[in-house]
Amino acid sequence: MMIDELKSFIQKIGNFDKLKSSEQVDFFAYFLIFEQKQSCFKASQIKKIFDDLRLESHSNISKYLNDNSKKTSTKKKKFIKLNEGFHFFSTFEKETAEKIKTEEVAFINFTIDKGRLAWKPEDIPFLNASIKKNADFFTKLYFLLYHLENSIRKFLTQRLSSILGNSWEQKIIQDVELVKAVSIRNETNLSEMVENRGDNILYYCMWGDYGKIIRQYPNIFSNQKEQHEIVAHLNSIEKIRNAIAHNTATIPKHYQDELTVFLSKYIRVMNNN
């Protein structure tokens, strides 16, 4: 374990040095599972992190982990006790992740200063009033879908890693029919003209593929009814995405209504997982 990785990780946690040692245990456990990609963690590993960082250790890490692997009337369950160690309980995994600052990726520095240009986007030849009006509408829809799809990818990455371990990507490629996604990734890797989309197969999947994955591993969601609600809408969302990508004349109103309904459900369901 690299000490530099540890130091970089705790810098993402606000006022880390002022936290209780029990709270530091939680973050060290998260580091081992989600940063070091371990399938589980042990009390001895947590103790070593305290030692490596020269911090005062929790007085009884083993007892803390065991006590917080049991749900009682006075406290929530944090961890799952396994034969080989511990893992995160799904709701506490999400709660911990939300406390860790994520690094913003700098976007390409592209702006249009209309005051200094001799042209405007709408001056581009062969456009008409309908196309100009649709440009704003489609841009807003894509903006929404971009956020939504990346949210689903992030959620699935965390849950699949938790359920299947470090080899989750290889496992889902074996268990789920993702031939098209694999093919697209292979073609991308062979072409110098196309940038890689992301660091795992989910970035090459279609919306329908997310549904296949969720159906294959129903314990991705803590509530089966919520799982069915999400999967039921994914094919419709894919139709909307395709309509935007292929410049259709418009998006039917019932698609727009379904997207609105889906977003409300999605936000509610994801806040519960």
Protein backbone atom coordinates (compact mmCIF):
# COMPACT_ATOMS: atom_id res chain seq x y z
CA MET A 1 0.00 0.00 0.00
CA MET A 2 1.40 3.36 -1.03
CA ILE A 3 1.43 6.02 1.69
CA ASP A 4 1.01 8.71 -1.00
CA GLU A 5 -2.30 7.14 -2.07
CA LEU A 6 -3.52 7.22 1.52
CA LYS A 7 -2.55 10.84 1.99
CA SER A 8 -4.19 11.81 -1.27
CA PHE A 9 -7.36 9.99 -0.24
CA ILE A 10 -7.74 11.65 3.18
CA GLN A 11 -7.30 15.06 1.56
CA LYS A 12 -10.68 14.47 -0.07
CA ILE A 13 -12.33 14.24 3.36
CA GLY A 14 -13.22 17.48 5.10
CA ASN A 15 -11.57 18.07 8.52
CA PHE A 16 -10.24 14.52 8.55
CA ASP A 17 -7.81 15.22 11.40
CA LYS A 18 -10.69 16.37 13.62
CA LEU A 19 -12.83 13.26 13.09
CA LYS A 20 -13.38 10.67 15.80
CA SER A 21 -11.15 7.64 15.40
CA SER A 22 -14.28 5.54 14.73
CA GLU A 23 -15.14 7.80 11.78
CA GLN A 24 -11.60 7.46 10.50
CA VAL A 25 -12.01 3.69 10.63
CA ASP A 26 -15.02 4.01 8.31
CA PHE A 27 -13.04 5.99 5.74
CA PHE A 28 -10.03 3.67 5.93
CA ALA A 29 -12.36 0.74 5.29
CA TYR A 30 -13.75 2.58 2.26
CA PHE A 31 -10.22 3.22 1.03
CA LEU A 32 -9.37 -0.49 1.15
CA ILE A 33 -12.53 -1.58 -0.67
CA PHE A 34 -13.07 1.13 -3.27
CA GLU A 35 -9.62 2.67 -3.77
CA GLN A 36 -7.47 -0.44 -3.35
CA LYS A 37 -10.16 -2.68 -4.91
CA GLN A 38 -10.06 -5.32 -2.18
CA SER A 39 -12.91 -7.82 -1.88
CA CYS A 40 -13.02 -7.25 1.89
CA PHE A 41 -11.02 -5.62 4.70
CA LYS A 42 -9.71 -6.75 8.09
CA ALA A 43 -9.19 -5.01 11.42
CA SER A 44 -5.44 -5.57 11.14
CA GLN A 45 -5.36 -3.66 7.85
CA ILE A 46 -7.18 -0.71 9.42
CA LYS A 47 -4.70 -0.72 12.30
CA LYS A 48 -1.80 -0.69 9.85
CA ILE A 49 -3.21 2.40 8.13
CA PHE A 50 -3.34 4.23 11.46
CA ASP A 51 0.26 3.22 12.05
CA ASP A 52 1.41 4.17 8.55
CA LEU A 53 -0.12 7.63 8.92
CA ARG A 54 1.20 7.91 12.48
CA LEU A 55 -2.26 8.59 13.86
CA GLU A 56 -3.64 7.58 17.23
CA SER A 57 -5.55 4.39 16.53
CA HIS A 58 -9.06 3.44 17.59
CA SER A 59 -8.87 1.57 20.89
CA ASN A 60 -10.55 -1.63 19.66
CA ILE A 61 -11.03 -1.84 15.92
CA SER A 62 -12.18 -5.48 15.90
CA LYS A 63 -14.94 -4.78 18.42
CA TYR A 64 -16.03 -1.67 16.51
CA LEU A 65 -16.33 -3.61 13.24
CA ASN A 66 -18.20 -6.49 14.88
CA ASP A 67 -20.56 -4.20 16.79
CA ASN A 68 -21.40 -2.26 13.64
CA SER A 69 -22.11 -5.43 11.70
CA LYS A 70 -25.26 -5.89 13.79
CA LYS A 71 -28.41 -3.84 13.43
CA THR A 72 -29.88 -2.70 16.75
CA SER A 73 -32.65 -0.36 17.81
CA THR A 74 -30.12 2.36 18.62
CA LYS A 75 -27.79 2.24 15.62
CA LYS A 76 -27.76 1.36 11.97
CA LYS A 77 -25.77 -1.42 10.39
CA LYS A 78 -22.56 -0.28 8.70
CA PHE A 79 -20.72 -3.43 7.67
CA ILE A 80 -21.33 -7.00 6.54
CA LYS A 81 -19.23 -9.64 8.27
CA LEU A 82 -17.82 -12.26 5.91
CA ASN A 83 -15.67 -15.33 6.55
CA GLU A 84 -12.58 -13.56 5.22
CA GLY A 85 -13.25 -10.08 6.65
CA PHE A 86 -15.78 -7.25 6.31
CA HIS A 87 -17.52 -5.33 3.52
CA PHE A 88 -19.81 -2.31 3.43
CA PHE A 89 -23.54 -2.52 4.00
CA SER A 90 -25.05 -0.89 0.87
CA THR A 91 -26.72 2.11 2.54
CA PHE A 92 -23.62 2.95 4.58
CA GLU A 93 -21.45 2.58 1.48
CA LYS A 94 -23.47 5.33 -0.20
CA GLU A 95 -23.47 7.51 2.93
CA THR A 96 -19.68 7.29 3.20
CA ALA A 97 -19.11 7.95 -0.51
CA GLU A 98 -21.13 11.17 -0.30
CA LYS A 99 -18.69 12.54 2.28
CA ILE A 100 -15.70 12.14 -0.04
CA LYS A 101 -14.98 15.01 -2.39
CA THR A 102 -14.80 13.98 -6.02
CA GLU A 103 -12.31 15.63 -8.32
CA GLU A 104 -13.88 17.75 -11.02
CA VAL A 105 -12.52 17.00 -14.48
CA ALA A 106 -11.67 20.21 -16.32
CA PHE A 107 -13.92 20.56 -19.36
CA ILE A 108 -12.61 21.74 -22.70
CA ASN A 109 -12.28 25.52 -22.70
CA PHE A 110 -14.85 26.28 -25.38
CA THR A 111 -17.02 29.38 -25.22
CA ILE A 112 -18.73 31.59 -27.75
CA ASP A 113 -18.47 35.28 -27.06
CA LYS A 114 -21.18 36.65 -29.31
CA GLY A 115 -20.04 40.21 -28.70
CA ARG A 116 -16.65 39.54 -30.32
CA LEU A 117 -17.71 37.23 -33.14
CA ALA A 118 -18.63 38.24 -36.67
CA TRP A 119 -21.11 35.35 -36.70
CA LYS A 120 -23.62 33.60 -34.43
CA PRO A 121 -24.46 29.88 -34.28
CA GLU A 122 -27.82 30.58 -35.92
CA ASP A 123 -25.98 32.22 -38.87
CA ILE A 124 -24.77 28.81 -40.05
CA PRO A 125 -26.16 28.32 -43.59
CA PHE A 126 -29.13 26.14 -44.57
CA LEU A 127 -30.85 26.32 -41.18
CA ASN A 128 -34.49 27.17 -40.74
CA ALA A 129 -36.63 28.38 -37.85
CA SER A 130 -37.65 24.83 -36.89
CA ILE A 131 -34.04 23.60 -36.68
CA LYS A 132 -32.99 26.60 -34.60
CA LYS A 133 -35.87 26.06 -32.20
CA ASN A 134 -35.15 22.31 -31.91
CA ALA A 135 -31.44 22.98 -31.23
CA ASP A 136 -32.26 24.51 -27.85
CA PHE A 137 -34.79 21.80 -27.00
CA PHE A 138 -32.53 18.88 -27.95
CA THR A 139 -29.55 20.43 -26.15
CA LYS A 140 -31.53 20.58 -22.91
CA LEU A 141 -32.61 16.95 -23.29
CA TYR A 142 -29.09 15.74 -23.98
CA PHE A 143 -27.79 17.73 -20.99
CA LEU A 144 -30.30 15.87 -18.83
CA LEU A 145 -29.53 12.43 -20.29
CA TYR A 146 -25.77 12.98 -19.96
CA HIS A 147 -26.16 13.46 -16.20
CA LEU A 148 -28.60 10.59 -15.91
CA GLU A 149 -26.50 8.03 -17.78
CA ASN A 150 -23.33 8.87 -15.89
CA SER A 151 -25.24 8.56 -12.63
CA ILE A 152 -26.41 5.06 -13.60
CA ARG A 153 -22.87 4.04 -14.59
CA LYS A 154 -21.46 5.29 -11.28
CA PHE A 155 -24.18 3.52 -9.29
CA LEU A 156 -23.69 0.22 -11.14
CA THR A 157 -19.91 0.41 -10.80
CA GLN A 158 -20.16 0.80 -7.02
CA ARG A 159 -22.81 -1.88 -6.54
CA LEU A 160 -21.26 -4.44 -8.91
CA SER A 161 -17.88 -3.96 -7.24
CA SER A 162 -19.53 -4.49 -3.87
CA ILE A 163 -21.46 -7.60 -4.98
CA LEU A 164 -18.98 -9.29 -7.34
CA GLY A 165 -15.60 -7.99 -6.13
CA ASN A 166 -12.65 -6.70 -8.13
CA SER A 167 -13.35 -8.91 -11.15
CA TRP A 168 -16.93 -7.61 -11.58
CA GLU A 169 -16.30 -6.41 -15.14
CA GLN A 170 -15.10 -9.79 -16.38
CA LYS A 171 -17.98 -11.44 -14.53
CA ILE A 172 -20.74 -9.37 -16.14
CA ILE A 173 -19.24 -9.85 -19.62
CA GLN A 174 -19.48 -13.61 -19.01
CA ASP A 175 -22.98 -13.53 -17.50
CA VAL A 176 -24.72 -10.85 -19.57
CA GLU A 177 -25.10 -10.56 -23.35
CA LEU A 178 -22.96 -7.47 -23.99
CA VAL A 179 -21.55 -8.44 -27.40
CA LYS A 180 -22.23 -5.04 -28.98
CA ALA A 181 -20.64 -3.12 -26.09
CA VAL A 182 -17.54 -5.34 -26.21
CA SER A 183 -17.33 -4.92 -29.98
CA ILE A 184 -17.55 -1.11 -29.74
CA ARG A 185 -14.81 -1.06 -27.12
CA ASN A 186 -12.56 -3.28 -29.23
CA GLU A 187 -13.05 -1.05 -32.27
CA THR A 188 -12.32 2.04 -30.18
CA ASN A 189 -9.10 0.53 -28.85
CA LEU A 190 -7.94 -0.22 -32.40
CA SER A 191 -8.63 3.26 -33.75
CA GLU A 192 -6.38 6.25 -33.21
CA MET A 193 -9.21 8.52 -34.37
CA VAL A 194 -11.61 7.66 -31.52
CA GLU A 195 -11.00 8.42 -27.85
CA ASN A 196 -11.72 5.83 -25.18
CA ARG A 197 -15.09 6.44 -23.54
CA GLY A 198 -14.17 5.34 -20.03
CA ASP A 199 -12.33 2.85 -17.87
CA ASN A 200 -14.86 -0.02 -17.88
CA ILE A 201 -17.40 -1.77 -20.12
CA LEU A 202 -20.34 0.27 -18.78
CA TYR A 203 -19.17 3.26 -20.82
CA TYR A 204 -19.78 1.25 -24.00
CA CYS A 205 -23.21 -0.08 -23.03
CA MET A 206 -26.59 0.99 -24.38
CA TRP A 207 -29.48 1.85 -22.07
CA GLY A 208 -30.96 -1.59 -22.70
CA ASP A 209 -27.70 -3.17 -21.53
CA TYR A 210 -28.09 -1.52 -18.13
CA GLY A 211 -31.46 -3.24 -17.86
CA LYS A 212 -29.92 -6.63 -18.71
CA ILE A 213 -27.28 -6.18 -16.01
CA ILE A 214 -29.83 -5.16 -13.37
CA ARG A 215 -32.04 -8.15 -14.22
CA GLN A 216 -29.05 -10.51 -14.01
CA TYR A 217 -28.07 -9.28 -10.52
CA PRO A 218 -31.32 -8.34 -8.72
CA ASN A 219 -29.48 -7.66 -5.45
CA ILE A 220 -28.04 -4.51 -7.05
CA PHE A 221 -31.13 -2.89 -5.54
CA SER A 222 -32.20 -3.36 -1.94
CA ASN A 223 -35.86 -3.36 -2.99
CA GLN A 224 -37.11 -5.60 -5.83
CA LYS A 225 -40.09 -3.38 -6.60
CA GLU A 226 -37.77 -0.41 -7.09
CA GLN A 227 -35.57 -2.51 -9.37
CA HIS A 228 -38.56 -3.34 -11.61
CA GLU A 229 -39.58 0.33 -11.72
CA ILE A 230 -36.17 1.37 -13.03
CA VAL A 231 -35.82 -1.46 -15.58
CA ALA A 232 -39.33 -0.88 -16.94
CA HIS A 233 -38.37 2.60 -18.17
CA LEU A 234 -34.89 1.94 -19.60
CA ASN A 235 -36.01 0.89 -23.09
CA SER A 236 -38.10 4.05 -23.45
CA ILE A 237 -35.17 6.17 -22.34
CA GLU A 238 -33.04 4.49 -25.01
CA LYS A 239 -35.59 5.54 -27.66
CA ILE A 240 -35.30 9.15 -26.50
CA ARG A 241 -31.50 8.96 -26.56
CA ASN A 242 -31.55 7.54 -30.11
CA ALA A 243 -33.95 10.22 -31.27
CA ILE A 244 -31.54 12.91 -30.04
CA ALA A 245 -28.46 11.19 -31.46
CA HIS A 246 -30.02 10.73 -34.91
CA ASN A 247 -31.57 14.20 -35.25
CA THR A 248 -35.22 13.18 -35.44
CA ALA A 249 -37.67 15.96 -36.16
CA THR A 250 -39.03 15.96 -32.62
CA ILE A 251 -39.49 13.89 -29.47
CA PRO A 252 -43.09 12.66 -29.07
CA LYS A 253 -44.85 14.16 -26.05
CA HIS A 254 -45.49 10.74 -24.45
CA TYR A 255 -41.70 10.13 -24.51
CA GLN A 256 -41.14 13.47 -22.82
CA ASP A 257 -43.78 12.64 -20.20
CA GLU A 258 -42.20 9.25 -19.54
CA LEU A 259 -38.78 10.84 -19.08
CA THR A 260 -40.27 13.21 -16.50
CA VAL A 261 -41.90 10.31 -14.63
CA PHE A 262 -38.72 8.24 -14.81
CA LEU A 263 -36.55 11.02 -13.41
CA SER A 264 -38.82 11.44 -10.39
CA LYS A 265 -38.72 7.70 -9.73
CA TYR A 266 -34.99 7.47 -10.36
CA ILE A 267 -34.09 10.21 -7.89
CA ARG A 268 -36.37 8.70 -5.24
CA VAL A 269 -35.12 5.11 -5.75
CA MET A 270 -31.43 6.04 -5.84
CA ASN A 271 -31.76 8.04 -2.64
CA ASN A 272 -32.96 4.82 -1.00
CA ASN A 273 -30.04 2.66 -2.23
